[in-house]
Amino acid sequence: MRFAPSSIAMQVTLPSHSPVLDRRLIRRLLVKCRQQAIRDGQVQMASLSFPLPSVDPLSVLAQLHNPHQQHFYWQHQAREIAAGGTALAIPTAPVSADLDPTESTPDRFCKTEQFVRFVLERCWSEGEIQLSGAGPLFCCGFSFFGREAANRKVANERQNRPASKPRNPETTVPETTVFVPRWTVIRHQQGCVATLCTAIDAQTNIGAERARIEALEDQLRNASIVAWPEAMPAFRRWETGEGRSADEFRSGVSAALQAIAAGELNKVVLAHAAELRAPQTIKPFLSLHNLRQLYPKCYIFSLGNGHGQQFMGASPEALMHVHQGRLAIDAIAGSAARGTSELEDQRFAQSLMDSSKDRLEHRVVVDAIVQQLHSLGISAAAAASPNLLRLPNIQHLYTRICAQLPEAIHPLRVLSALHPTPAVAGEPRSLACDRIREWESCERGLYAAPVGWLDGRGDCELAVGIRSALVEGERVRLCAGAGIVAGSDPEKEWAEVQLKLQALMQALV
């Protein structure tokens, strides 16, 4: 069912001040793409960009959203993105015989890079292409484990699972979700720009495609501002068999501490999944609005699969940010609650800064990221001591790692080397991932995995999908994790997980 803002909010139509796209230009572009598709025998991408008056991208997404189409939402600092529909995506893109999304390979990020290059080499752009944010956008989401690892986990569980402990159906997500949206609206400090994209092949009906583009342009220009209500739906907690109980989680922490004491691991991150059910279908865009209000310093994101599921959250952690060749990575590890008074808040912060356990956990993450970058030939700089990152109800130890990204290295190569970082997996990474599969009863899916965007200029923003929820109908699945190192206490780690879950529940409940 199509989301109807009018059912929950007032709308105000904004006047359009930018000229309408030249209809003859649209037709010429489509004809040119079809001719090239006939010559090459390959699909081509047509991209049209134009300025918009200042609009609220989330309002646009709420009004244009089709539940049967993929969508993407992003906000961080001054940049806000809304996108919907699919012009071209990895699962259906006829790139080459070796780009098969059904095949499990050691590096799905390399295949994503191939897809991005394929699209950009065949992209024809028109309109106001000089505008910041103009041109095709690649919306991305990756599962925490690749298909091969997830299949090993399921096979092992089926072999070892007691008959008295049946398992809920698996949380199934593609290991790679990358698509060029049909429409994109980006708002930033320089203004607001819209881009329409469509894939053209030898059989494309030019007249019909032009009509669809013109209709989309009209919808974007006539978008309204939604006056979001403050009232939120009430939820009741609903634990399933997949959600870890407190005792199960503490047992996993104890097993991790034994492995650390034996010298097998330096750190491992264990996650917990909890589920909520609302009395009626959840309005996820209203929850997104609350997230961006509550957590303005975080990466607010939503990735919809077009099949009723929406992965959304407010992540404090940038897995990778590239702008004009400058690479930045956030290392976040070590957590404490916020105080109810300024004095208590300062006491909690100082205790976190002085905690040898939390500083060890943080240093493991920073050192591992720097080493991974060095393995790619990238020289990175990081402060010797962490700073504090303060969010409304939690604070973290935080270090930003910066480097100049060589032109020969694509951002997705860096992503392949980084994911998963010790902040969400552990160290050593391979063994930590094996232990996560053994000790966690929940499926991570998209939790703690890369989510974000890339553009045709080499810029990108990818966050770690923590403080996140999978929304489907009236159901919400929440995940949170805690880093286990020497000195960890099972009771305190359980409390930390509950604190992180509470941070997201506030926006949903």
Protein backbone atom coordinates (compact mmCIF):
# COMPACT_ATOMS: atom_id res chain seq x y z
CA MET A 1 0.00 0.00 0.00
CA ARG A 2 1.37 3.40 -0.91
CA PHE A 3 2.36 5.62 2.04
CA ALA A 4 -0.03 8.56 2.35
CA PRO A 5 1.41 11.57 4.18
CA SER A 6 -1.99 13.21 4.20
CA SER A 7 -3.18 10.55 6.62
CA ILE A 8 -0.68 11.63 9.28
CA ALA A 9 0.37 15.16 8.39
CA MET A 10 -0.41 18.41 6.68
CA GLN A 11 1.24 19.15 3.31
CA VAL A 12 2.36 22.48 1.88
CA THR A 13 3.08 22.59 -1.85
CA LEU A 14 6.28 24.39 -2.79
CA PRO A 15 6.51 26.48 -5.96
CA SER A 16 8.99 25.35 -8.59
CA HIS A 17 11.53 27.98 -9.60
CA SER A 18 13.76 25.93 -11.94
CA PRO A 19 12.99 25.51 -15.63
CA VAL A 20 11.33 22.31 -16.78
CA LEU A 21 13.61 19.87 -18.61
CA ASP A 22 13.58 20.39 -22.36
CA ARG A 23 11.39 17.58 -23.77
CA ARG A 24 13.46 17.57 -26.98
CA LEU A 25 16.64 17.10 -24.92
CA ILE A 26 15.08 14.11 -23.15
CA ARG A 27 14.17 12.47 -26.44
CA ARG A 28 17.60 13.12 -27.99
CA LEU A 29 19.30 11.56 -24.97
CA LEU A 30 17.11 8.47 -25.05
CA VAL A 31 17.57 8.00 -28.79
CA LYS A 32 21.34 8.38 -28.44
CA CYS A 33 21.42 5.76 -25.69
CA ARG A 34 19.32 3.31 -27.69
CA GLN A 35 21.54 3.74 -30.75
CA GLN A 36 24.61 3.07 -28.62
CA ALA A 37 22.94 0.05 -27.04
CA ILE A 38 22.27 -1.37 -30.51
CA ARG A 39 25.91 -0.79 -31.57
CA ASP A 40 27.46 -2.19 -28.37
CA GLY A 41 24.95 -4.86 -27.55
CA GLN A 42 25.04 -3.52 -23.98
CA VAL A 43 22.56 -1.62 -21.87
CA GLN A 44 23.21 2.14 -21.54
CA MET A 45 22.35 4.52 -18.69
CA ALA A 46 20.59 7.84 -19.34
CA SER A 47 20.91 10.42 -16.56
CA LEU A 48 19.11 13.78 -16.35
CA SER A 49 19.84 16.28 -13.55
CA PHE A 50 18.08 19.53 -12.67
CA PRO A 51 17.87 21.92 -9.68
CA LEU A 52 14.93 21.95 -7.31
CA PRO A 53 13.74 24.51 -4.78
CA SER A 54 14.70 23.56 -1.25
CA VAL A 55 12.63 20.49 -0.40
CA ASP A 56 12.67 17.96 2.41
CA PRO A 57 14.01 14.75 0.79
CA LEU A 58 12.33 12.55 3.42
CA SER A 59 8.97 14.17 2.60
CA VAL A 60 9.61 13.47 -1.09
CA LEU A 61 10.41 9.83 -0.32
CA ALA A 62 7.27 9.45 1.81
CA GLN A 63 5.10 10.74 -1.04
CA LEU A 64 6.77 8.94 -3.97
CA HIS A 65 7.48 5.70 -2.11
CA ASN A 66 6.26 2.51 -3.74
CA PRO A 67 6.50 -0.49 -1.36
CA HIS A 68 7.21 -2.75 -4.34
CA GLN A 69 10.31 -0.75 -5.31
CA GLN A 70 13.70 -0.36 -3.68
CA HIS A 71 14.38 2.89 -1.85
CA PHE A 72 17.25 4.63 -0.08
CA TYR A 73 17.45 7.41 2.48
CA TRP A 74 20.52 9.06 3.99
CA GLN A 75 21.27 12.04 6.17
CA HIS A 76 24.55 13.13 7.70
CA GLN A 77 25.30 16.70 8.67
CA ALA A 78 24.34 18.99 5.76
CA ARG A 79 23.77 16.22 3.17
CA GLU A 80 20.40 14.52 2.83
CA ILE A 81 19.48 12.00 0.13
CA ALA A 82 16.22 10.34 -0.87
CA ALA A 83 15.97 7.91 -3.76
CA GLY A 84 13.48 5.41 -5.14
CA GLY A 85 12.93 2.85 -7.87
CA THR A 86 15.63 0.91 -9.69
CA ALA A 87 17.20 1.93 -12.98
CA LEU A 88 19.88 -0.78 -12.82
CA ALA A 89 21.06 -3.15 -10.09
CA ILE A 90 23.68 -5.83 -9.65
CA PRO A 91 21.24 -8.78 -9.58
CA THR A 92 19.88 -7.95 -13.04
CA ALA A 93 22.69 -6.00 -14.69
CA PRO A 94 24.08 -7.83 -17.78
CA VAL A 95 27.65 -6.79 -16.99
CA SER A 96 29.66 -9.84 -17.96
CA ALA A 97 29.77 -13.56 -17.45
CA ASP A 98 32.02 -13.21 -14.41
CA LEU A 99 29.68 -10.76 -12.63
CA ASP A 100 27.19 -13.30 -11.33
CA PRO A 101 25.45 -12.15 -8.12
CA THR A 102 24.29 -15.74 -7.41
CA GLU A 103 27.88 -16.92 -7.19
CA SER A 104 29.66 -16.80 -3.84
CA THR A 105 33.14 -15.34 -4.20
CA PRO A 106 35.84 -14.25 -1.77
CA ASP A 107 35.32 -10.60 -2.68
CA ARG A 108 31.84 -9.38 -3.47
CA PHE A 109 33.17 -5.82 -3.17
CA CYS A 110 35.36 -6.41 -6.23
CA LYS A 111 32.24 -7.40 -8.18
CA THR A 112 30.52 -4.25 -6.96
CA GLU A 113 33.45 -2.21 -8.25
CA GLN A 114 33.06 -3.93 -11.63
CA PHE A 115 29.38 -3.04 -11.67
CA VAL A 116 30.04 0.61 -10.81
CA ARG A 117 32.66 0.89 -13.56
CA PHE A 118 30.33 -0.83 -16.03
CA VAL A 119 27.54 1.68 -15.39
CA LEU A 120 29.78 4.77 -15.46
CA GLU A 121 31.41 3.70 -18.74
CA ARG A 122 27.94 3.51 -20.33
CA CYS A 123 26.33 6.51 -18.68
CA TRP A 124 25.14 9.49 -20.75
CA SER A 125 24.33 12.57 -18.66
CA GLU A 126 22.39 15.69 -19.61
CA GLY A 127 20.85 18.67 -17.84
CA GLU A 128 22.56 20.63 -15.07
CA ILE A 129 25.38 18.10 -14.68
CA GLN A 130 27.73 20.70 -13.15
CA LEU A 131 25.61 20.89 -9.99
CA SER A 132 27.01 19.33 -6.83
CA GLY A 133 25.32 15.95 -6.39
CA ALA A 134 24.20 15.66 -10.02
CA GLY A 135 24.54 12.37 -11.87
CA PRO A 136 23.86 8.72 -11.03
CA LEU A 137 24.14 7.51 -7.45
CA PHE A 138 24.95 3.97 -6.30
CA CYS A 139 22.97 2.98 -3.20
CA CYS A 140 24.64 0.16 -1.29
CA GLY A 141 23.97 -2.36 1.45
CA PHE A 142 25.96 -5.49 2.23
CA SER A 143 25.20 -8.33 4.61
CA PHE A 144 27.66 -8.78 7.47
CA PHE A 145 28.70 -12.21 6.25
CA GLY A 146 28.98 -13.22 2.62
CA ARG A 147 26.81 -16.09 1.43
CA GLU A 148 29.53 -18.69 1.86
CA ALA A 149 30.07 -17.79 5.52
CA ALA A 150 26.34 -17.63 6.24
CA ASN A 151 25.77 -21.04 4.64
CA ARG A 152 28.54 -22.56 6.78
CA LYS A 153 26.88 -21.12 9.88
CA VAL A 154 23.46 -22.55 8.97
CA ALA A 155 24.93 -25.96 8.09
CA ASN A 156 26.80 -26.17 11.39
CA GLU A 157 23.72 -25.16 13.37
CA ARG A 158 21.54 -27.74 11.63
CA GLN A 159 24.09 -30.41 12.48
CA ASN A 160 24.57 -29.39 16.13
CA ARG A 161 21.13 -27.99 17.06
CA PRO A 162 19.30 -29.96 19.77
CA ALA A 163 15.99 -31.39 18.62
CA SER A 164 14.27 -29.60 21.50
CA LYS A 165 15.45 -26.19 20.32
CA PRO A 166 13.88 -25.41 16.92
CA ARG A 167 15.08 -22.32 15.13
CA ASN A 168 12.98 -19.56 13.63
CA PRO A 169 13.17 -19.01 9.88
CA GLU A 170 16.44 -17.41 8.82
CA THR A 171 16.69 -13.66 8.36
CA THR A 172 17.52 -13.71 4.67
CA VAL A 173 19.08 -10.72 2.95
CA PRO A 174 21.18 -10.59 -0.22
CA GLU A 175 24.90 -10.50 0.46
CA THR A 176 25.13 -7.54 -1.95
CA THR A 177 22.51 -4.86 -2.64
CA VAL A 178 23.72 -2.16 -5.03
CA PHE A 179 21.40 -0.22 -7.31
CA VAL A 180 21.16 3.00 -9.30
CA PRO A 181 17.82 4.56 -8.28
CA ARG A 182 15.25 5.71 -10.81
CA TRP A 183 15.05 9.09 -9.06
CA THR A 184 17.28 10.85 -6.56
CA VAL A 185 16.89 14.08 -4.60
CA ILE A 186 19.96 15.45 -2.80
CA ARG A 187 19.90 18.46 -0.49
CA HIS A 188 23.14 20.02 0.70
CA GLN A 189 24.66 23.40 1.48
CA GLN A 190 24.82 24.34 -2.21
CA GLY A 191 21.12 23.73 -2.78
CA CYS A 192 18.93 20.89 -3.97
CA VAL A 193 19.39 18.74 -7.08
CA ALA A 194 17.32 15.95 -8.62
CA THR A 195 18.54 13.22 -10.97
CA LEU A 196 16.43 10.85 -13.06
CA CYS A 197 18.07 7.67 -14.40
CA THR A 198 16.88 4.95 -16.72
CA ALA A 199 18.48 1.94 -18.40
CA ILE A 200 18.12 1.86 -22.17
CA ASP A 201 18.57 -1.20 -24.38
CA ALA A 202 17.89 -1.97 -28.04
CA GLN A 203 14.20 -2.71 -27.38
CA THR A 204 13.37 0.40 -25.30
CA ASN A 205 10.21 2.24 -26.36
CA ILE A 206 11.49 5.83 -26.47
CA GLY A 207 8.05 7.45 -26.36
CA ALA A 208 6.90 5.45 -23.35
CA GLU A 209 10.16 6.00 -21.49
CA ARG A 210 10.08 9.73 -22.12
CA ALA A 211 6.53 9.86 -20.73
CA ARG A 212 7.67 8.07 -17.56
CA ILE A 213 10.58 10.51 -17.11
CA GLU A 214 8.32 13.52 -17.57
CA ALA A 215 5.82 12.13 -15.06
CA LEU A 216 8.59 11.55 -12.50
CA GLU A 217 9.90 15.09 -13.01
CA ASP A 218 6.42 16.47 -12.38
CA GLN A 219 6.10 14.43 -9.17
CA LEU A 220 9.42 15.71 -7.85
CA ARG A 221 8.59 19.33 -8.69
CA ASN A 222 5.19 19.05 -7.04
CA ALA A 223 6.44 17.40 -3.86
CA SER A 224 5.13 18.78 -0.59
CA ILE A 225 6.58 19.45 2.83
CA VAL A 226 5.27 17.03 5.44
CA ALA A 227 4.56 18.48 8.88
CA TRP A 228 5.54 15.40 10.85
CA PRO A 229 3.43 14.68 13.96
CA GLU A 230 5.08 14.20 17.33
CA ALA A 231 2.98 11.25 18.48
CA MET A 232 4.54 7.81 17.99
CA PRO A 233 2.84 4.38 17.98
CA ALA A 234 2.98 2.28 21.15
CA PHE A 235 4.91 -1.01 21.09
CA ARG A 236 4.99 -4.06 23.26
CA ARG A 237 8.17 -6.10 23.58
CA TRP A 238 7.99 -9.40 21.77
CA GLU A 239 10.94 -11.77 22.15
CA THR A 240 11.19 -14.64 19.66
CA GLY A 241 13.19 -17.83 19.80
CA GLU A 242 15.88 -16.08 17.78
CA GLY A 243 16.40 -13.36 20.36
CA ARG A 244 19.16 -14.19 22.82
CA SER A 245 18.14 -14.31 26.46
CA ALA A 246 20.35 -12.60 29.02
CA ASP A 247 21.70 -15.98 30.15
CA GLU A 248 22.60 -17.01 26.59
CA PHE A 249 24.40 -13.73 26.01
CA ARG A 250 26.34 -14.00 29.28
CA SER A 251 27.30 -17.56 28.34
CA GLY A 252 28.73 -16.31 25.04
CA VAL A 253 30.69 -13.61 26.84
CA SER A 254 32.13 -16.19 29.25
CA ALA A 255 33.20 -18.40 26.35
CA ALA A 256 34.81 -15.38 24.69
CA LEU A 257 36.72 -14.49 27.88
CA GLN A 258 38.07 -18.03 28.08
CA ALA A 259 39.30 -17.82 24.49
CA ILE A 260 40.91 -14.43 25.21
CA ALA A 261 42.60 -15.77 28.36
CA ALA A 262 43.95 -18.69 26.31
CA GLY A 263 45.50 -16.26 23.84
CA GLU A 264 43.26 -17.23 20.92
CA LEU A 265 41.58 -13.83 20.58
CA ASN A 266 42.30 -10.23 21.47
CA LYS A 267 38.67 -9.18 21.03
CA VAL A 268 35.33 -10.46 19.78
CA VAL A 269 32.02 -8.62 19.36
CA LEU A 270 28.85 -10.47 20.32
CA ALA A 271 25.43 -9.26 19.19
CA HIS A 272 21.93 -9.65 20.59
CA ALA A 273 18.66 -9.47 18.63
CA ALA A 274 15.32 -8.41 20.09
CA GLU A 275 11.94 -8.03 18.44
CA LEU A 276 9.02 -5.67 18.91
CA ARG A 277 5.50 -5.80 17.56
CA ALA A 278 3.24 -2.79 17.11
CA PRO A 279 -0.56 -2.99 17.26
CA GLN A 280 -0.66 -1.66 13.68
CA THR A 281 1.57 -1.28 10.64
CA ILE A 282 4.60 0.84 11.45
CA LYS A 283 5.15 4.13 9.62
CA PRO A 284 8.91 3.87 9.06
CA PHE A 285 9.29 7.34 7.55
CA LEU A 286 7.90 8.84 10.74
CA SER A 287 10.49 6.83 12.67
CA LEU A 288 13.20 8.10 10.31
CA HIS A 289 12.10 11.65 10.98
CA ASN A 290 12.40 11.04 14.70
CA LEU A 291 15.85 9.51 14.24
CA ARG A 292 17.14 12.56 12.40
CA GLN A 293 15.70 14.79 15.13
CA LEU A 294 17.13 12.76 18.01
CA TYR A 295 20.55 11.96 16.52
CA PRO A 296 21.71 14.86 14.32
CA LYS A 297 25.36 13.79 14.65
CA CYS A 298 24.70 10.25 13.41
CA TYR A 299 24.33 8.69 9.97
CA ILE A 300 20.58 8.28 9.48
CA PHE A 301 19.84 5.64 6.86
CA SER A 302 17.12 3.47 5.36
CA LEU A 303 17.40 0.78 2.71
CA GLY A 304 14.15 -0.75 1.43
CA ASN A 305 14.22 -3.98 -0.56
CA GLY A 306 10.86 -3.58 -2.33
CA HIS A 307 9.54 -6.74 -0.63
CA GLY A 308 8.18 -5.22 2.54
CA GLN A 309 11.41 -4.96 4.54
CA GLN A 310 13.22 -1.75 5.46
CA PHE A 311 16.62 -1.65 7.17
CA MET A 312 17.03 1.61 9.04
CA GLY A 313 19.02 3.16 11.84
CA ALA A 314 21.13 5.93 13.34
CA SER A 315 24.76 4.90 13.22
CA PRO A 316 27.45 6.95 14.97
CA GLU A 317 30.20 5.23 13.01
CA ALA A 318 31.52 6.07 9.53
CA LEU A 319 33.07 2.97 8.03
CA MET A 320 34.51 5.09 5.25
CA HIS A 321 34.11 8.62 3.87
CA VAL A 322 35.81 9.83 0.70
CA HIS A 323 35.59 13.40 -0.58
CA GLN A 324 37.86 14.68 -3.36
CA GLY A 325 40.35 11.92 -2.65
CA ARG A 326 40.51 12.46 1.10
CA LEU A 327 39.71 9.30 3.08
CA ALA A 328 38.31 9.36 6.63
CA ILE A 329 37.41 6.40 8.83
CA ASP A 330 35.84 6.43 12.29
CA ALA A 331 37.08 4.08 15.00
CA ILE A 332 34.45 3.80 17.73
CA ALA A 333 34.85 1.32 20.59
CA GLY A 334 34.29 1.69 24.31
CA SER A 335 30.95 2.92 25.65
CA ALA A 336 29.34 4.50 28.70
CA ALA A 337 25.94 5.88 29.61
CA ARG A 338 25.14 9.59 29.75
CA GLY A 339 24.54 11.11 33.16
CA THR A 340 21.31 12.62 34.39
CA SER A 341 23.21 15.76 35.47
CA GLU A 342 26.27 17.61 34.15
CA LEU A 343 28.34 16.39 37.10
CA GLU A 344 27.29 12.76 36.65
CA ASP A 345 27.83 13.01 32.88
CA GLN A 346 31.39 14.26 33.39
CA ARG A 347 32.03 11.48 35.90
CA PHE A 348 30.85 8.81 33.43
CA ALA A 349 32.95 10.38 30.67
CA GLN A 350 36.09 10.49 32.83
CA SER A 351 35.54 6.92 33.94
CA LEU A 352 35.32 5.88 30.28
CA MET A 353 38.49 7.78 29.39
CA ASP A 354 40.32 6.19 32.35
CA SER A 355 39.04 2.65 31.72
CA SER A 356 41.94 0.36 30.75
CA LYS A 357 39.44 -2.18 29.40
CA ASP A 358 37.72 0.35 27.11
CA ARG A 359 40.98 1.94 25.97
CA LEU A 360 42.37 -1.51 25.11
CA GLU A 361 39.23 -2.31 23.12
CA HIS A 362 39.54 1.01 21.31
CA ARG A 363 43.25 0.66 20.55
CA VAL A 364 42.68 -2.80 19.01
CA VAL A 365 40.24 -1.22 16.55
CA VAL A 366 42.46 1.75 15.63
CA ASP A 367 45.59 -0.36 15.13
CA ALA A 368 43.77 -2.91 12.96
CA ILE A 369 42.31 -0.22 10.67
CA VAL A 370 45.69 1.48 10.25
CA GLN A 371 47.31 -1.87 9.45
CA GLN A 372 44.65 -2.72 6.85
CA LEU A 373 45.21 0.63 5.13
CA HIS A 374 48.98 0.12 5.16
CA SER A 375 48.47 -3.27 3.48
CA LEU A 376 46.91 -1.35 0.56
CA GLY A 377 49.82 1.09 0.44
CA ILE A 378 47.83 3.86 2.14
CA SER A 379 49.61 5.87 4.82
CA ALA A 380 47.12 6.79 7.55
CA ALA A 381 47.28 9.13 10.52
CA ALA A 382 45.43 8.73 13.82
CA ALA A 383 45.61 10.58 17.13
CA ALA A 384 47.51 8.83 19.93
CA SER A 385 44.57 9.21 22.32
CA PRO A 386 40.81 8.93 21.64
CA ASN A 387 38.24 11.68 21.97
CA LEU A 388 34.70 11.45 23.30
CA LEU A 389 31.70 11.11 20.99
CA ARG A 390 28.60 12.12 22.95
CA LEU A 391 25.14 11.05 21.79
CA PRO A 392 21.84 11.68 23.61
CA ASN A 393 21.96 8.59 25.85
CA ILE A 394 25.37 7.02 25.23
CA GLN A 395 28.98 8.15 24.78
CA HIS A 396 31.91 6.44 23.08
CA LEU A 397 35.65 6.58 22.71
CA TYR A 398 36.25 7.93 19.22
CA THR A 399 39.22 8.36 16.87
CA ARG A 400 39.10 9.63 13.28
CA ILE A 401 41.69 8.07 10.96
CA CYS A 402 42.61 10.11 7.86
CA ALA A 403 44.58 9.41 4.68
CA GLN A 404 44.96 10.49 1.08
CA LEU A 405 43.38 7.88 -1.19
CA PRO A 406 45.60 7.15 -4.24
CA GLU A 407 43.79 7.54 -7.56
CA ALA A 408 44.59 3.94 -8.49
CA ILE A 409 42.70 2.57 -5.48
CA HIS A 410 38.92 2.48 -5.75
CA PRO A 411 36.99 3.12 -2.50
CA LEU A 412 35.48 -0.37 -2.77
CA ARG A 413 38.96 -1.89 -2.53
CA VAL A 414 39.35 -0.09 0.78
CA LEU A 415 35.93 -1.34 1.86
CA SER A 416 36.94 -4.90 1.02
CA ALA A 417 40.01 -4.58 3.24
CA LEU A 418 38.19 -2.92 6.13
CA HIS A 419 35.00 -4.93 6.55
CA PRO A 420 34.41 -6.17 9.13
CA THR A 421 36.47 -3.97 11.43
CA PRO A 422 37.39 -5.09 14.96
CA ALA A 423 34.73 -2.65 16.21
CA VAL A 424 32.02 -5.04 15.00
CA ALA A 425 33.85 -8.38 14.61
CA GLY A 426 37.06 -8.71 16.60
CA GLU A 427 40.77 -9.43 16.32
CA PRO A 428 42.16 -11.52 14.75
CA ARG A 429 39.34 -10.98 12.31
CA SER A 430 38.99 -14.40 10.70
CA LEU A 431 38.96 -16.29 13.99
CA ALA A 432 36.64 -13.73 15.58
CA CYS A 433 34.15 -14.20 12.71
CA ASP A 434 34.29 -17.98 13.20
CA ARG A 435 33.53 -17.56 16.90
CA ILE A 436 30.67 -15.15 16.17
CA ARG A 437 29.07 -17.83 14.01
CA GLU A 438 29.52 -20.31 16.84
CA TRP A 439 28.39 -18.19 19.81
CA GLU A 440 25.61 -16.02 18.34
CA SER A 441 22.16 -17.54 17.94
CA CYS A 442 20.82 -14.62 15.87
CA GLU A 443 21.40 -13.89 12.21
CA ARG A 444 23.20 -10.56 11.75
CA GLY A 445 21.91 -9.93 8.25
CA LEU A 446 22.61 -6.25 7.52
CA TYR A 447 23.42 -5.46 11.13
CA ALA A 448 26.94 -3.98 11.60
CA ALA A 449 27.58 -4.22 7.84
CA PRO A 450 28.34 -1.46 5.30
CA VAL A 451 25.46 0.75 4.15
CA GLY A 452 25.67 4.01 2.20
CA TRP A 453 26.33 5.48 -1.24
CA LEU A 454 28.93 6.09 -3.95
CA ASP A 455 28.81 8.54 -6.86
CA GLY A 456 30.48 8.85 -10.25
CA ARG A 457 33.15 11.25 -8.96
CA GLY A 458 34.71 8.75 -6.56
CA ASP A 459 33.10 10.26 -3.47
CA CYS A 460 31.28 8.03 -1.01
CA GLU A 461 29.85 7.75 2.48
CA LEU A 462 29.53 4.31 4.04
CA ALA A 463 28.44 3.80 7.62
CA VAL A 464 28.54 0.76 9.86
CA GLY A 465 24.93 -0.45 10.14
CA ILE A 466 24.73 -0.43 13.94
CA ARG A 467 21.94 1.05 16.12
CA SER A 468 19.72 -0.42 13.44
CA ALA A 469 16.36 -2.11 12.95
CA LEU A 470 14.76 -4.30 10.32
CA VAL A 471 11.15 -3.15 9.91
CA GLU A 472 8.47 -5.27 8.27
CA GLY A 473 4.79 -4.51 8.65
CA GLU A 474 4.10 -4.27 12.37
CA ARG A 475 7.34 -6.01 13.35
CA VAL A 476 10.72 -4.50 14.24
CA ARG A 477 13.91 -6.49 14.74
CA LEU A 478 16.63 -4.66 16.68
CA CYS A 479 20.28 -5.65 17.05
CA ALA A 480 23.09 -4.39 19.27
CA GLY A 481 26.50 -5.73 20.21
CA ALA A 482 29.30 -5.40 22.74
CA GLY A 483 33.04 -5.76 22.31
CA ILE A 484 34.56 -8.43 24.57
CA VAL A 485 38.21 -8.01 25.60
CA ALA A 486 40.31 -8.98 28.61
CA GLY A 487 38.65 -7.47 31.66
CA SER A 488 35.12 -7.57 30.27
CA ASP A 489 32.34 -8.47 32.68
CA PRO A 490 29.33 -10.46 31.32
CA GLU A 491 26.86 -8.46 33.42
CA LYS A 492 28.24 -5.10 32.29
CA GLU A 493 28.35 -6.19 28.63
CA TRP A 494 24.69 -7.19 28.81
CA ALA A 495 23.87 -3.79 30.29
CA GLU A 496 25.78 -2.09 27.46
CA VAL A 497 23.78 -3.99 24.84
CA GLN A 498 20.52 -2.97 26.51
CA LEU A 499 21.68 0.65 26.58
CA LYS A 500 22.39 0.59 22.85
CA LEU A 501 19.02 -0.98 22.09
CA GLN A 502 17.32 1.70 24.14
CA ALA A 503 18.96 4.40 22.02
CA LEU A 504 17.10 3.17 18.94
CA MET A 505 13.89 2.17 20.73
CA GLN A 506 13.36 5.81 21.70
CA ALA A 507 12.80 6.69 18.07
CA LEU A 508 10.45 3.77 17.46
CA VAL A 509 8.43 3.46 20.65
